[in-house]
C-alpha cells in the first residue's frame, strides 16, 4: 500500500505567505488585540517597517533604544493568538509581551487598574490541542519580574495574579464569575492561557500586562472611560520599558 501524502501547514509556511520568509523578526515582540492599541507603538518605535500581514493582523519591525523590536496586533481570541504566537516564534522572537484588556474579578480591582498576569486558567478550546488537561499555563518568571520593575520605574500601580481565559464571553455566568472570584482569580480574558502555553512549548519567554476595562463583580463597564484609556497607554509604556530591561 502506497504511503499517502499529508499536508500540514506550519508556522514557517505562514511566514512565507505573509511575505516575511527569511527576514527575521526582532528578539522582542509587543502585541495587542485591537489594531488601534498599536498607535502608541508607532509613535515610540523608530522607523517602523511593515514586515507582513495575515488576515487582519500585521507585524512591524522597528528600532527602540538600539534594539530591533517587532510589534503588531496578534489576535483577539485564544485560537488566532495561538496562530500568531507560533508565527512570532518561527520568526525568531524570544521575548513576547502581550498588552491587552480584561474584566476584573475582584471588587478592589477597578476599571483603569493594571494587572500583570502570573498564570492563567485554561478554559478555552485551543490549548487542549497542544497540551493535556492538567497542564498549567504559567507566565515566565523573568518576564513577570521585568514587567514589575518596569511598572515600578514608571510609578504605575499594578496587581499581580491569575487570569481566567475563556472563549465564551456570553457564557460567563454569575455562578462561574463568583466561583472564580472566590478562588482569588484577578481577571478574565480571552487570550492569556493560549499565548503562555505556546511560549512554554516553544521555549520562549512570555509576559502579559492587562488594562481593566470592566468589573465583573460590581457590573462597572468602562471601555469608554478615561481611566481605561489611560491604562491602555500605561501598559504600552510598561511594555516598552520592559524591553529596555531585557537582555
Protein backbone atom coordinates (compact mmCIF):
# COMPACT_ATOMS: atom_id res chain seq x y z
CA UNK A 1 0.00 0.00 0.00
CA UNK A 2 1.42 3.33 -1.04
CA UNK A 3 2.04 5.97 1.59
CA UNK A 4 -0.46 8.76 1.36
CA UNK A 5 0.98 12.25 1.28
CA UNK A 6 -0.29 14.53 4.02
CA UNK A 7 -0.49 18.30 4.00
CA UNK A 8 0.38 20.13 7.19
CA UNK A 9 0.59 23.92 7.43
CA UNK A 10 3.48 25.13 9.57
CA UNK A 11 4.28 28.48 11.15
CA UNK A 12 7.10 28.79 8.61
CA UNK A 13 4.53 28.42 5.81
CA UNK A 14 2.57 31.26 7.40
CA UNK A 15 5.69 33.42 7.49
CA UNK A 16 6.19 32.80 3.78
CA UNK A 17 2.55 33.57 2.98
CA UNK A 18 2.87 36.85 4.88
CA UNK A 19 5.84 37.80 2.73
CA UNK A 20 8.31 37.64 5.62
CA UNK A 21 10.15 34.49 4.57
CA UNK A 22 13.77 34.51 5.71
CA UNK A 23 13.58 38.09 7.00
CA UNK A 24 13.79 37.83 10.77
CA UNK A 25 11.59 39.45 13.35
CA UNK A 26 13.06 41.23 16.35
CA UNK A 27 14.16 39.47 19.51
CA UNK A 28 11.36 41.33 21.31
CA UNK A 29 7.67 41.31 20.36
CA UNK A 30 4.95 43.57 21.75
CA UNK A 31 1.49 42.66 20.54
CA UNK A 32 -2.10 43.66 21.16
CA UNK A 33 -5.53 42.53 20.05
CA UNK A 34 -7.14 45.63 18.51
CA UNK A 35 -5.08 47.41 15.87
CA UNK A 36 -5.73 50.83 17.46
CA UNK A 37 -3.77 49.77 20.53
CA UNK A 38 -0.68 49.86 18.30
CA UNK A 39 -0.86 53.65 17.84
CA UNK A 40 1.43 54.48 20.80
CA UNK A 41 3.97 51.99 19.46
CA UNK A 42 4.05 53.73 16.07
CA UNK A 43 4.94 56.91 17.94
CA UNK A 44 7.60 55.33 20.16
CA UNK A 45 9.40 52.84 17.89
CA UNK A 46 11.66 54.35 15.24
CA UNK A 47 11.37 53.55 11.54
CA UNK A 48 8.52 51.03 11.74
CA UNK A 49 8.52 48.76 8.69
CA UNK A 50 5.61 46.51 7.79
CA UNK A 51 7.09 43.02 7.61
CA UNK A 52 3.94 41.18 6.63
CA UNK A 53 0.24 40.68 7.24
CA UNK A 54 -2.05 37.72 7.85
CA UNK A 55 -5.82 38.19 7.59
CA UNK A 56 -6.35 41.40 9.62
CA UNK A 57 -3.09 41.05 11.56
CA UNK A 58 0.09 42.96 10.85
CA UNK A 59 3.71 42.62 12.01
CA UNK A 60 6.17 45.51 12.06
CA UNK A 61 9.88 45.79 12.81
CA UNK A 62 11.46 48.93 14.20
CA UNK A 63 14.16 50.26 16.49
CA UNK A 64 13.82 51.16 20.16
CA UNK A 65 16.72 52.06 22.43
CA UNK A 66 19.14 50.43 19.98
CA UNK A 67 17.17 47.17 19.85
CA UNK A 68 15.17 45.68 16.99
CA UNK A 69 11.61 45.36 18.24
CA UNK A 70 8.66 43.77 16.47
CA UNK A 71 5.10 44.78 17.19
CA UNK A 72 1.66 44.01 15.84
CA UNK A 73 -1.95 43.15 16.54
CA UNK A 74 -1.71 39.48 17.34
CA UNK A 75 -5.19 38.14 17.81
CA UNK A 76 -8.37 38.84 19.75
CA UNK A 77 -9.08 35.29 20.92
CA UNK A 78 -7.24 32.18 22.05
CA UNK A 79 -7.22 30.45 18.66
CA UNK A 80 -5.92 33.29 16.49
CA UNK A 81 -3.47 34.37 19.18
CA UNK A 82 -2.03 30.83 19.23
CA UNK A 83 -1.51 31.05 15.46
CA UNK A 84 0.20 34.42 15.71
CA UNK A 85 2.25 33.25 18.69
CA UNK A 86 3.59 30.34 16.67
CA UNK A 87 4.36 32.71 13.80
CA UNK A 88 6.27 35.06 16.11
CA UNK A 89 8.35 32.17 17.45
CA UNK A 90 9.09 30.88 13.96
CA UNK A 91 10.22 34.40 13.00
CA UNK A 92 12.86 34.48 15.73
CA UNK A 93 11.09 36.27 18.58
CA UNK A 94 12.47 35.30 22.01
CA UNK A 95 10.52 37.61 24.37
CA UNK A 96 6.80 38.24 23.87
CA UNK A 97 4.79 40.86 25.74
CA UNK A 98 1.03 40.89 25.39
CA UNK A 99 -0.68 44.24 26.04
CA UNK A 100 -4.38 43.55 26.43
CA UNK A 101 -7.58 44.22 28.35
CA UNK A 102 -9.55 42.21 30.87
CA UNK A 103 -12.51 42.14 33.19
CA UNK A 104 -11.83 42.35 36.91
CA UNK A 105 -12.99 39.52 39.16
CA UNK A 106 -12.31 41.35 42.42
CA UNK A 107 -14.19 44.31 43.91
CA UNK A 108 -10.97 46.11 44.78
CA UNK A 109 -9.63 45.98 41.19
CA UNK A 110 -11.34 48.83 39.36
CA UNK A 111 -11.70 49.99 35.78
CA UNK A 112 -8.38 51.56 34.77
CA UNK A 113 -6.28 49.35 37.05
CA UNK A 114 -3.46 47.23 35.61
CA UNK A 115 -2.83 43.52 36.13
CA UNK A 116 0.43 41.69 35.47
CA UNK A 117 -0.57 38.08 34.81
CA UNK A 118 1.30 35.35 36.69
CA UNK A 119 -0.64 32.46 35.15
CA UNK A 120 -3.94 31.58 33.52
CA UNK A 121 -6.77 29.10 33.98
CA UNK A 122 -7.14 27.23 30.69
CA UNK A 123 -10.88 27.36 30.00
CA UNK A 124 -10.71 27.83 26.22
CA UNK A 125 -10.78 25.34 23.37
CA UNK A 126 -7.38 25.96 21.80
CA UNK A 127 -4.76 24.73 24.25
CA UNK A 128 -6.26 21.21 24.60
CA UNK A 129 -4.93 20.72 21.06
CA UNK A 130 -1.42 21.36 22.43
CA UNK A 131 -1.24 20.02 25.98
CA UNK A 132 -3.08 17.68 28.41
CA UNK A 133 -5.97 18.97 30.53
CA UNK A 134 -3.93 19.26 33.72
CA UNK A 135 -1.07 21.19 32.10
CA UNK A 136 -0.62 24.66 33.71
CA UNK A 137 -0.35 27.93 31.79
CA UNK A 138 2.26 29.89 33.73
CA UNK A 139 3.92 33.19 32.86
CA UNK A 140 7.70 33.22 32.61
CA UNK A 141 9.12 34.31 35.99
CA UNK A 142 11.78 36.50 34.41
CA UNK A 143 9.18 38.32 32.29
CA UNK A 144 6.91 38.86 35.29
CA UNK A 145 9.80 40.34 37.26
CA UNK A 146 10.82 42.58 34.36
CA UNK A 147 7.25 43.87 33.98
CA UNK A 148 7.11 44.56 37.72
CA UNK A 149 10.39 46.51 37.56
CA UNK A 150 9.16 48.41 34.51
CA UNK A 151 5.88 49.38 36.18
CA UNK A 152 7.61 50.45 39.37
CA UNK A 153 10.21 52.50 37.50
CA UNK A 154 7.33 54.41 35.87
CA UNK A 155 5.45 54.70 39.19
CA UNK A 156 2.44 52.89 37.74
CA UNK A 157 0.45 50.84 40.30
CA UNK A 158 -0.38 47.23 39.37
CA UNK A 159 -1.91 43.99 40.64
CA UNK A 160 -0.37 40.53 40.31
CA UNK A 161 -2.37 37.37 39.79
CA UNK A 162 -4.17 34.77 37.74
CA UNK A 163 -6.47 35.33 34.80
CA UNK A 164 -9.34 33.06 33.77
CA UNK A 165 -9.16 32.59 29.99
CA UNK A 166 -12.41 31.61 28.30
CA UNK A 167 -13.78 31.55 24.75
CA UNK A 168 -17.41 32.03 25.77
CA UNK A 169 -17.77 35.69 26.70
CA UNK A 170 -21.57 35.48 26.86
CA UNK A 171 -21.48 32.33 28.95
CA UNK A 172 -19.59 33.86 31.85
CA UNK A 173 -22.48 33.20 34.22
CA UNK A 174 -22.85 34.75 37.67
CA UNK A 175 -22.12 31.35 39.21
CA UNK A 176 -18.85 30.98 37.28
CA UNK A 177 -17.82 34.57 37.95
CA UNK A 178 -18.46 34.26 41.68
CA UNK A 179 -16.61 30.93 41.80
CA UNK A 180 -13.52 32.35 40.12
CA UNK A 181 -13.64 35.41 42.36
CA UNK A 182 -13.81 33.23 45.47
CA UNK A 183 -10.76 31.33 44.23
CA UNK A 184 -8.84 34.61 44.20
CA UNK A 185 -8.57 34.88 40.40
CA UNK A 186 -7.93 38.51 39.49
CA UNK A 187 -9.18 38.79 35.92
CA UNK A 188 -10.94 37.20 32.98
CA UNK A 189 -9.74 37.46 29.39
CA UNK A 190 -9.77 35.51 26.12
CA UNK A 191 -6.04 35.24 25.36
CA UNK A 192 -3.65 34.63 28.24
CA UNK A 193 -3.64 30.84 28.59
CA UNK A 194 -3.13 30.47 24.84
CA UNK A 195 0.00 32.58 24.47
CA UNK A 196 1.52 31.31 27.72
CA UNK A 197 1.12 27.72 26.53
CA UNK A 198 2.62 28.44 23.11
CA UNK A 199 5.57 30.28 24.65
CA UNK A 200 6.30 27.40 27.01
CA UNK A 201 6.20 24.78 24.26
CA UNK A 202 8.44 26.89 22.01
CA UNK A 203 10.93 27.64 24.83
CA UNK A 204 10.25 31.37 24.65
CA UNK A 205 9.57 33.92 27.39
CA UNK A 206 6.10 35.48 27.54
CA UNK A 207 4.64 38.12 29.81
CA UNK A 208 1.17 39.64 29.86
CA UNK A 209 0.01 43.01 31.13
CA UNK A 210 -3.70 43.88 31.08
CA UNK A 211 -5.75 47.05 31.45
CA UNK A 212 -9.03 46.54 33.32
CA UNK A 213 -11.97 47.52 31.11
CA UNK A 214 -14.84 46.40 33.35
CA UNK A 215 -15.58 44.88 36.75
CA UNK A 216 -17.49 41.60 36.61
CA UNK A 217 -18.37 41.76 40.32
CA UNK A 218 -19.74 45.29 40.56
CA UNK A 219 -21.02 45.49 36.99
CA UNK A 220 -19.00 48.60 36.17
CA UNK A 221 -18.39 48.97 32.42
CA UNK A 222 -15.51 51.16 31.38
CA UNK A 223 -14.45 50.69 27.77
CA UNK A 224 -15.22 54.37 27.16
CA UNK A 225 -13.82 55.51 30.50
CA UNK A 226 -10.84 57.91 30.50
CA UNK A 227 -9.36 55.68 33.23
CA UNK A 228 -9.34 52.71 30.86
CA UNK A 229 -7.83 54.78 28.06
CA UNK A 230 -5.08 55.95 30.42
CA UNK A 231 -4.44 52.34 31.48
CA UNK A 232 -4.12 51.31 27.81
CA UNK A 233 -1.43 53.96 27.37
CA UNK A 234 0.34 52.87 30.55
CA UNK A 235 0.54 49.18 29.64
CA UNK A 236 2.25 50.14 26.40
CA UNK A 237 4.72 52.34 28.28
CA UNK A 238 5.41 49.48 30.69
CA UNK A 239 5.98 47.05 27.80
CA UNK A 240 8.48 49.41 26.17
CA UNK A 241 10.23 49.96 29.49
CA UNK A 242 10.43 46.19 29.90
CA UNK A 243 12.18 45.92 26.53
CA UNK A 244 14.84 48.30 27.87
CA UNK A 245 15.41 45.98 30.83
CA UNK A 246 15.53 42.72 28.89
CA UNK A 247 18.93 41.41 27.78
